[in-house]
C-alpha atoms as a PDB file:
ATOM      1  CA  MET A   1     -47.287  96.303  35.837  1.00  0.00           C
ATOM      2  CA  SER A   2     -43.598  97.306  35.865  1.00  0.00           C
ATOM      3  CA  ARG A   3     -41.121  95.576  33.515  1.00  0.00           C
ATOM      4  CA  PRO A   4     -38.518  93.436  35.076  1.00  0.00           C
ATOM      5  CA  LEU A   5     -35.234  95.089  35.987  1.00  0.00           C
ATOM      6  CA  VAL A   6     -32.106  93.957  33.988  1.00  0.00           C
ATOM      7  CA  ILE A   7     -28.824  94.950  35.495  1.00  0.00           C
ATOM      8  CA  ILE A   8     -26.100  95.750  32.793  1.00  0.00           C
ATOM      9  CA  PRO A   9     -22.625  96.361  34.402  1.00  0.00           C
ATOM     10  CA  SER A  10     -20.816  99.180  32.542  1.00  0.00           C
ATOM     11  CA  ASP A  11     -17.429  99.409  30.938  1.00  0.00           C
ATOM     12  CA  THR A  12     -14.741 101.968  31.750  1.00  0.00           C
ATOM     13  CA  LYS A  13     -14.471 104.545  28.842  1.00  0.00           C
ATOM     14  CA  VAL A  14     -12.035 107.394  28.879  1.00  0.00           C
ATOM     15  CA  ILE A  15     -13.187 110.437  26.782  1.00  0.00           C
ATOM     16  CA  GLU A  16     -11.082 113.569  26.569  1.00  0.00           C
ATOM     17  CA  GLY A  17      -9.309 112.660  29.739  1.00  0.00           C
ATOM     18  CA  LEU A  18     -12.493 111.922  31.795  1.00  0.00           C
ATOM     19  CA  THR A  19     -13.525 108.506  33.007  1.00  0.00           C
ATOM     20  CA  PHE A  20     -17.059 107.305  32.194  1.00  0.00           C
ATOM     21  CA  ASP A  21     -19.181 104.249  32.880  1.00  0.00           C
ATOM     22  CA  ALA A  22     -20.694 103.194  29.659  1.00  0.00           C
ATOM     23  CA  VAL A  23     -22.684 100.487  27.812  1.00  0.00           C
ATOM     24  CA  GLY A  24     -23.297 100.088  24.120  1.00  0.00           C
ATOM     25  CA  ARG A  25     -26.901 101.022  23.417  1.00  0.00           C
ATOM     26  CA  LYS A  26     -27.399  97.849  21.314  1.00  0.00           C
ATOM     27  CA  TYR A  27     -27.442  95.876  24.576  1.00  0.00           C
ATOM     28  CA  SER A  28     -29.809  97.988  26.313  1.00  0.00           C
ATOM     29  CA  THR A  29     -31.983  98.302  23.216  1.00  0.00           C
ATOM     30  CA  ALA A  30     -32.160  94.544  22.760  1.00  0.00           C
ATOM     31  CA  VAL A  31     -33.149  94.316  26.521  1.00  0.00           C
ATOM     32  CA  ALA A  32     -35.850  96.798  26.145  1.00  0.00           C
ATOM     33  CA  GLU A  33     -37.260  95.985  22.659  1.00  0.00           C
ATOM     34  CA  VAL A  34     -36.936  92.171  22.529  1.00  0.00           C
ATOM     35  CA  ALA A  35     -36.584  90.841  26.127  1.00  0.00           C
ATOM     36  CA  GLU A  36     -39.360  93.516  27.015  1.00  0.00           C
ATOM     37  CA  CYS A  37     -37.371  94.488  30.147  1.00  0.00           C
ATOM     38  CA  GLN A  38     -36.185  97.687  31.885  1.00  0.00           C
ATOM     39  CA  PRO A  39     -32.225  97.932  31.513  1.00  0.00           C
ATOM     40  CA  LEU A  40     -30.356  99.628  34.316  1.00  0.00           C
ATOM     41  CA  LEU A  41     -26.708 100.494  33.983  1.00  0.00           C
ATOM     42  CA  VAL A  42     -24.354  99.929  36.840  1.00  0.00           C
ATOM     43  CA  PRO A  43     -21.219 101.921  37.561  1.00  0.00           C
ATOM     44  CA  LEU A  44     -17.943 100.213  37.865  1.00  0.00           C
ATOM     45  CA  ASP A  45     -16.186 102.090  40.849  1.00  0.00           C
ATOM     46  CA  THR A  46     -16.181  99.461  43.633  1.00  0.00           C
ATOM     47  CA  ALA A  47     -16.865 102.331  45.954  1.00  0.00           C
ATOM     48  CA  LEU A  48     -20.181 102.835  44.117  1.00  0.00           C
ATOM     49  CA  THR A  49     -21.176  99.258  43.496  1.00  0.00           C
ATOM     50  CA  ASP A  50     -22.801  97.148  46.352  1.00  0.00           C
ATOM     51  CA  ILE A  51     -23.281  93.651  44.903  1.00  0.00           C
ATOM     52  CA  GLY A  52     -25.937  92.913  47.524  1.00  0.00           C
ATOM     53  CA  ALA A  53     -27.896  95.899  46.830  1.00  0.00           C
ATOM     54  CA  ILE A  54     -27.746  95.229  43.041  1.00  0.00           C
ATOM     55  CA  LEU A  55     -29.014  91.711  43.556  1.00  0.00           C
ATOM     56  CA  GLU A  56     -31.855  92.907  45.734  1.00  0.00           C
ATOM     57  CA  ILE A  57     -33.355  94.814  42.857  1.00  0.00           C
ATOM     58  CA  ALA A  58     -32.311  92.642  39.919  1.00  0.00           C
ATOM     59  CA  ASP A  59     -34.671  90.428  38.126  1.00  0.00           C
ATOM     60  CA  ALA A  60     -31.918  89.419  35.664  1.00  0.00           C
ATOM     61  CA  ILE A  61     -28.395  90.425  34.683  1.00  0.00           C
ATOM     62  CA  LEU A  62     -26.942  91.026  31.117  1.00  0.00           C
ATOM     63  CA  LEU A  63     -23.201  90.952  30.631  1.00  0.00           C
ATOM     64  CA  SER A  64     -22.308  92.814  27.633  1.00  0.00           C
ATOM     65  CA  GLY A  65     -19.443  92.462  25.101  1.00  0.00           C
ATOM     66  CA  SER A  66     -16.625  95.175  25.178  1.00  0.00           C
ATOM     67  CA  VAL A  67     -13.274  95.963  23.408  1.00  0.00           C
ATOM     68  CA  SER A  68     -11.646  95.269  26.835  1.00  0.00           C
ATOM     69  CA  ASN A  69     -10.410  91.779  27.794  1.00  0.00           C
ATOM     70  CA  VAL A  70     -10.628  89.829  31.026  1.00  0.00           C
ATOM     71  CA  HIS A  71      -7.406  90.035  33.000  1.00  0.00           C
ATOM     72  CA  PRO A  72      -5.457  86.876  32.732  1.00  0.00           C
ATOM     73  CA  SER A  73      -4.370  87.074  36.403  1.00  0.00           C
ATOM     74  CA  LEU A  74      -7.911  85.970  37.205  1.00  0.00           C
ATOM     75  CA  TYR A  75      -7.441  82.568  35.213  1.00  0.00           C
ATOM     76  CA  GLY A  76      -3.668  82.033  35.296  1.00  0.00           C
ATOM     77  CA  THR A  77      -0.282  83.573  35.885  1.00  0.00           C
ATOM     78  CA  GLU A  78       0.348  85.001  32.310  1.00  0.00           C
ATOM     79  CA  ASP A  79       1.006  88.648  31.759  1.00  0.00           C
ATOM     80  CA  PRO A  80      -1.630  90.410  29.404  1.00  0.00           C
ATOM     81  CA  LEU A  81      -0.605  90.229  25.828  1.00  0.00           C
ATOM     82  CA  ARG A  82      -2.215  93.810  25.403  1.00  0.00           C
ATOM     83  CA  PRO A  83      -2.243  95.616  28.567  1.00  0.00           C
ATOM     84  CA  GLU A  84      -4.076  98.590  27.075  1.00  0.00           C
ATOM     85  CA  THR A  85      -7.204  96.390  26.763  1.00  0.00           C
ATOM     86  CA  MET A  86      -7.544  95.498  30.307  1.00  0.00           C
ATOM     87  CA  ASP A  87     -10.473  96.985  32.347  1.00  0.00           C
ATOM     88  CA  PRO A  88      -9.817  95.692  35.932  1.00  0.00           C
ATOM     89  CA  ALA A  89     -12.504  97.857  37.418  1.00  0.00           C
ATOM     90  CA  ARG A  90     -15.091  95.791  35.389  1.00  0.00           C
ATOM     91  CA  ASP A  91     -13.453  92.597  36.421  1.00  0.00           C
ATOM     92  CA  ASN A  92     -13.805  93.621  39.964  1.00  0.00           C
ATOM     93  CA  VAL A  93     -17.552  94.060  39.759  1.00  0.00           C
ATOM     94  CA  THR A  94     -18.496  91.365  37.255  1.00  0.00           C
ATOM     95  CA  ILE A  95     -16.517  88.282  38.615  1.00  0.00           C
ATOM     96  CA  PRO A  96     -18.131  88.377  42.057  1.00  0.00           C
ATOM     97  CA  LEU A  97     -21.452  89.282  40.558  1.00  0.00           C
ATOM     98  CA  ILE A  98     -21.519  86.482  38.320  1.00  0.00           C
ATOM     99  CA  ARG A  99     -20.652  83.916  41.118  1.00  0.00           C
ATOM    100  CA  THR A 100     -23.276  85.392  43.454  1.00  0.00           C
ATOM    101  CA  ALA A 101     -25.853  85.477  40.761  1.00  0.00           C
ATOM    102  CA  VAL A 102     -25.167  81.858  39.821  1.00  0.00           C
ATOM    103  CA  ASP A 103     -25.533  80.631  43.422  1.00  0.00           C
ATOM    104  CA  ASN A 104     -28.598  82.834  44.010  1.00  0.00           C
ATOM    105  CA  LYS A 105     -30.173  81.537  40.524  1.00  0.00           C
ATOM    106  CA  ILE A 106     -30.684  85.025  39.112  1.00  0.00           C
ATOM    107  CA  PRO A 107     -31.135  84.977  35.352  1.00  0.00           C
ATOM    108  CA  LEU A 108     -27.907  85.677  33.458  1.00  0.00           C
ATOM    109  CA  PHE A 109     -27.253  86.345  29.812  1.00  0.00           C
ATOM    110  CA  ALA A 110     -23.428  86.719  28.986  1.00  0.00           C
ATOM    111  CA  ILE A 111     -22.354  87.928  25.498  1.00  0.00           C
ATOM    112  CA  CYS A 112     -18.792  87.916  24.191  1.00  0.00           C
ATOM    113  CA  ARG A 113     -16.638  89.529  26.991  1.00  0.00           C
ATOM    114  CA  GLY A 114     -19.297  88.625  29.231  1.00  0.00           C
ATOM    115  CA  TYR A 115     -19.329  85.059  28.165  1.00  0.00           C
ATOM    116  CA  GLN A 116     -15.598  84.900  28.811  1.00  0.00           C
ATOM    117  CA  GLU A 117     -16.219  86.497  32.184  1.00  0.00           C
ATOM    118  CA  LEU A 118     -18.749  83.722  32.929  1.00  0.00           C
ATOM    119  CA  ASN A 119     -16.305  80.939  32.275  1.00  0.00           C
ATOM    120  CA  VAL A 120     -13.500  82.719  34.308  1.00  0.00           C
ATOM    121  CA  ALA A 121     -15.834  83.327  37.125  1.00  0.00           C
ATOM    122  CA  MET A 122     -16.935  79.734  37.311  1.00  0.00           C
ATOM    123  CA  GLY A 123     -13.149  78.417  37.145  1.00  0.00           C
ATOM    124  CA  GLY A 124     -12.379  78.106  33.464  1.00  0.00           C
ATOM    125  CA  SER A 125      -9.594  79.699  31.491  1.00  0.00           C
ATOM    126  CA  LEU A 126      -9.138  81.600  28.318  1.00  0.00           C
ATOM    127  CA  HIS A 127      -7.022  81.761  25.164  1.00  0.00           C
ATOM    128  CA  GLN A 128      -5.550  85.402  25.277  1.00  0.00           C
ATOM    129  CA  ALA A 129      -5.437  85.204  21.367  1.00  0.00           C
ATOM    130  CA  VAL A 130      -7.493  82.578  19.710  1.00  0.00           C
ATOM    131  CA  HIS A 131      -5.616  83.380  16.501  1.00  0.00           C
ATOM    132  CA  ASP A 132      -2.328  82.390  17.877  1.00  0.00           C
ATOM    133  CA  GLN A 133      -3.434  78.932  18.582  1.00  0.00           C
ATOM    134  CA  PRO A 134      -2.394  76.481  15.819  1.00  0.00           C
ATOM    135  CA  HIS A 135      -5.535  74.461  15.831  1.00  0.00           C
ATOM    136  CA  LEU A 136      -8.010  77.390  15.844  1.00  0.00           C
ATOM    137  CA  ASN A 137      -9.197  79.898  13.365  1.00  0.00           C
ATOM    138  CA  ASP A 138      -8.942  83.750  13.535  1.00  0.00           C
ATOM    139  CA  HIS A 139     -12.171  84.832  15.027  1.00  0.00           C
ATOM    140  CA  ARG A 140     -11.676  88.654  14.924  1.00  0.00           C
ATOM    141  CA  GLU A 141     -13.477  90.988  12.743  1.00  0.00           C
ATOM    142  CA  ASN A 142     -12.087  92.989   9.966  1.00  0.00           C
ATOM    143  CA  PRO A 143     -11.818  96.705  11.380  1.00  0.00           C
ATOM    144  CA  LYS A 144     -11.645  97.952   7.861  1.00  0.00           C
ATOM    145  CA  LEU A 145     -15.316  97.114   7.115  1.00  0.00           C
ATOM    146  CA  VAL A 146     -18.245  99.313   7.739  1.00  0.00           C
ATOM    147  CA  MET A 147     -20.079  98.337  11.104  1.00  0.00           C
ATOM    148  CA  ASP A 148     -22.921  96.470   9.673  1.00  0.00           C
ATOM    149  CA  ASP A 149     -20.469  94.239   7.787  1.00  0.00           C
ATOM    150  CA  ARG A 150     -18.328  93.729  10.920  1.00  0.00           C
ATOM    151  CA  PHE A 151     -21.270  92.437  12.697  1.00  0.00           C
ATOM    152  CA  GLY A 152     -22.497  90.381   9.718  1.00  0.00           C
ATOM    153  CA  PRO A 153     -22.715  86.424   9.540  1.00  0.00           C
ATOM    154  CA  ALA A 154     -19.073  85.232   9.785  1.00  0.00           C
ATOM    155  CA  HIS A 155     -19.126  81.499  10.324  1.00  0.00           C
ATOM    156  CA  PRO A 156     -21.367  78.409  11.189  1.00  0.00           C
ATOM    157  CA  ILE A 157     -21.652  76.941  14.482  1.00  0.00           C
ATOM    158  CA  LYS A 158     -23.124  73.529  15.373  1.00  0.00           C
ATOM    159  CA  LEU A 159     -25.782  73.537  18.148  1.00  0.00           C
ATOM    160  CA  ASP A 160     -26.105  70.938  20.714  1.00  0.00           C
ATOM    161  CA  ASP A 161     -28.209  69.798  23.562  1.00  0.00           C
ATOM    162  CA  GLU A 162     -30.827  72.354  25.029  1.00  0.00           C
ATOM    163  CA  LEU A 163     -29.670  75.277  22.771  1.00  0.00           C
ATOM    164  CA  ARG A 164     -30.444  73.122  19.635  1.00  0.00           C
ATOM    165  CA  SER A 165     -33.901  72.410  20.896  1.00  0.00           C
ATOM    166  CA  TRP A 166     -34.711  76.114  21.687  1.00  0.00           C
ATOM    167  CA  ILE A 167     -33.571  77.147  18.200  1.00  0.00           C
ATOM    168  CA  GLY A 168     -34.950  74.163  16.396  1.00  0.00           C
ATOM    169  CA  LYS A 169     -31.859  73.837  14.186  1.00  0.00           C
ATOM    170  CA  ASP A 170     -28.696  71.796  14.174  1.00  0.00           C
ATOM    171  CA  GLN A 171     -26.628  74.694  12.802  1.00  0.00           C
ATOM    172  CA  ILE A 172     -26.681  78.477  12.568  1.00  0.00           C
ATOM    173  CA  ILE A 173     -24.464  81.274  11.129  1.00  0.00           C
ATOM    174  CA  VAL A 174     -23.123  83.817  13.742  1.00  0.00           C
ATOM    175  CA  ASN A 175     -20.946  86.952  13.488  1.00  0.00           C
ATOM    176  CA  SER A 176     -17.493  86.842  15.133  1.00  0.00           C
ATOM    177  CA  LEU A 177     -15.581  89.694  16.779  1.00  0.00           C
ATOM    178  CA  HIS A 178     -13.471  88.345  19.422  1.00  0.00           C
ATOM    179  CA  GLY A 179      -9.745  87.824  19.979  1.00  0.00           C
ATOM    180  CA  GLN A 180      -9.985  85.710  23.291  1.00  0.00           C
ATOM    181  CA  GLY A 181     -11.914  82.473  23.677  1.00  0.00           C
ATOM    182  CA  ILE A 182     -12.517  79.652  26.030  1.00  0.00           C
ATOM    183  CA  ALA A 183      -9.484  77.441  26.472  1.00  0.00           C
ATOM    184  CA  ARG A 184     -10.656  75.236  29.538  1.00  0.00           C
ATOM    185  CA  LEU A 185     -14.443  75.079  30.157  1.00  0.00           C
ATOM    186  CA  ALA A 186     -15.595  75.596  33.715  1.00  0.00           C
ATOM    187  CA  GLU A 187     -16.894  72.375  35.164  1.00  0.00           C
ATOM    188  CA  ARG A 188     -20.308  74.006  36.033  1.00  0.00           C
ATOM    189  CA  LEU A 189     -20.907  75.075  32.450  1.00  0.00           C
ATOM    190  CA  ARG A 190     -22.304  72.899  29.804  1.00  0.00           C
ATOM    191  CA  PRO A 191     -21.267  73.317  26.127  1.00  0.00           C
ATOM    192  CA  GLN A 192     -24.020  74.059  23.753  1.00  0.00           C
ATOM    193  CA  ALA A 193     -22.412  75.202  20.512  1.00  0.00           C
ATOM    194  CA  TYR A 194     -19.068  74.637  18.590  1.00  0.00           C
ATOM    195  CA  ALA A 195     -17.319  76.675  15.801  1.00  0.00           C
ATOM    196  CA  GLU A 196     -15.886  74.692  12.908  1.00  0.00           C
ATOM    197  CA  ASP A 197     -12.434  74.599  14.724  1.00  0.00           C
ATOM    198  CA  GLY A 198     -13.969  73.135  17.904  1.00  0.00           C
ATOM    199  CA  LEU A 199     -14.094  76.442  19.935  1.00  0.00           C
ATOM    200  CA  VAL A 200     -16.976  76.450  22.425  1.00  0.00           C
ATOM    201  CA  GLU A 201     -19.311  79.195  21.320  1.00  0.00           C
ATOM    202  CA  ALA A 202     -22.202  78.847  23.799  1.00  0.00           C
ATOM    203  CA  VAL A 203     -22.804  77.417  27.395  1.00  0.00           C
ATOM    204  CA  LEU A 204     -25.503  77.022  29.756  1.00  0.00           C
ATOM    205  CA  GLY A 205     -25.063  77.017  33.399  1.00  0.00           C
ATOM    206  CA  PRO A 206     -26.043  74.428  36.115  1.00  0.00           C
ATOM    207  CA  LYS A 207     -29.287  72.347  35.182  1.00  0.00           C
ATOM    208  CA  ASP A 208     -31.202  73.823  38.161  1.00  0.00           C
ATOM    209  CA  HIS A 209     -30.626  77.361  37.214  1.00  0.00           C
ATOM    210  CA  PRO A 210     -33.503  79.216  35.555  1.00  0.00           C
ATOM    211  CA  PHE A 211     -31.464  80.879  32.811  1.00  0.00           C
ATOM    212  CA  CYS A 212     -27.703  81.112  32.575  1.00  0.00           C
ATOM    213  CA  LEU A 213     -26.732  81.424  28.973  1.00  0.00           C
ATOM    214  CA  GLY A 214     -23.450  82.572  27.604  1.00  0.00           C
ATOM    215  CA  VAL A 215     -22.611  83.107  23.895  1.00  0.00           C
ATOM    216  CA  GLN A 216     -19.516  84.047  22.141  1.00  0.00           C
ATOM    217  CA  TRP A 217     -21.233  86.011  19.410  1.00  0.00           C
ATOM    218  CA  HIS A 218     -23.201  89.185  19.298  1.00  0.00           C
ATOM    219  CA  PRO A 219     -27.136  88.391  19.315  1.00  0.00           C
ATOM    220  CA  GLU A 220     -27.738  91.891  20.449  1.00  0.00           C
ATOM    221  CA  TRP A 221     -26.976  93.477  16.942  1.00  0.00           C
ATOM    222  CA  HIS A 222     -30.219  94.103  15.098  1.00  0.00           C
ATOM    223  CA  ALA A 223     -31.695  91.676  17.556  1.00  0.00           C
ATOM    224  CA  LYS A 224     -35.306  92.392  16.677  1.00  0.00           C
ATOM    225  CA  ASN A 225     -34.661  91.328  13.198  1.00  0.00           C
ATOM    226  CA  ASN A 226     -32.697  88.015  13.900  1.00  0.00           C
ATOM    227  CA  PRO A 227     -35.040  85.002  14.682  1.00  0.00           C
ATOM    228  CA  VAL A 228     -32.269  83.295  16.792  1.00  0.00           C
ATOM    229  CA  SER A 229     -31.659  86.678  18.787  1.00  0.00           C
ATOM    230  CA  ILE A 230     -35.431  87.027  19.311  1.00  0.00           C
ATOM    231  CA  GLU A 231     -35.550  83.527  20.831  1.00  0.00           C
ATOM    232  CA  LEU A 232     -32.700  84.037  23.102  1.00  0.00           C
ATOM    233  CA  PHE A 233     -33.694  87.402  24.433  1.00  0.00           C
ATOM    234  CA  ARG A 234     -37.314  86.394  24.759  1.00  0.00           C
ATOM    235  CA  ARG A 235     -36.310  83.491  26.968  1.00  0.00           C
ATOM    236  CA  PHE A 236     -34.160  85.625  28.948  1.00  0.00           C
ATOM    237  CA  GLY A 237     -37.052  88.233  29.352  1.00  0.00           C
ATOM    238  CA  ASP A 238     -39.352  85.418  30.501  1.00  0.00           C
ATOM    239  CA  ALA A 239     -36.925  84.197  33.029  1.00  0.00           C
ATOM    240  CA  ALA A 240     -36.769  87.729  34.411  1.00  0.00           C
ATOM    241  CA  ARG A 241     -40.596  88.071  34.503  1.00  0.00           C
ATOM    242  CA  LYS A 242     -40.723  84.909  36.527  1.00  0.00           C
ATOM    243  CA  ILE A 243     -38.365  86.210  39.106  1.00  0.00           C
ATOM    244  CA  SER A 244     -40.152  89.687  39.219  1.00  0.00           C
ATOM    245  CA  SER A 245     -43.596  88.115  39.780  1.00  0.00           C
ATOM    246  CA  SER A 246     -42.295  85.640  42.444  1.00  0.00           C
END
């Protein structure tokens, strides 16, 4: 029996003057090794991306993190604080893809930038710079650290509701590598975890959705060695298998 197909929209990467569609291998590895599904990367050029065709073959969708940010025009009237970090090609694909996937109950796992995209697509807003908010902490990583330390445990989060029952704990320690964060939570999303400063760190979608999870941290990092990551990716994979077998 074939593995369920998990669609992963790409990022725009420019390498030596040429434009590439790219996804960090840690995401596709977590999908393959922990969710036990087949990852499939999707290009971002709208001329190459037919959302209807994608959803015809998708058993699930994973939205990865990225160094780029969601454009603020999608959730307000502010100009971007860092225009060089925008990736409008990704926004043009992921925002309508999320809305269609939620409406059609396609399993969806959104991580970091993907988590922020989920909130924006559903009508919420973001802080462009969490660290500039007087009531919030600095959630960015230290770029001087080696990669394992950048993705290492950074701060505790308090779990709530269904996510607490999934993990079986009231609190866990997560990594933290983001500059943006949720300002206004979309009405159709349900908060599931909070940082010490009150920032919402995880959400679930509508109650009738088979699997719609967004997390602000990076569970894909060394996923097969992290019990929380294993639980989340296995649940995601199980939801994809139900769609695949239906």
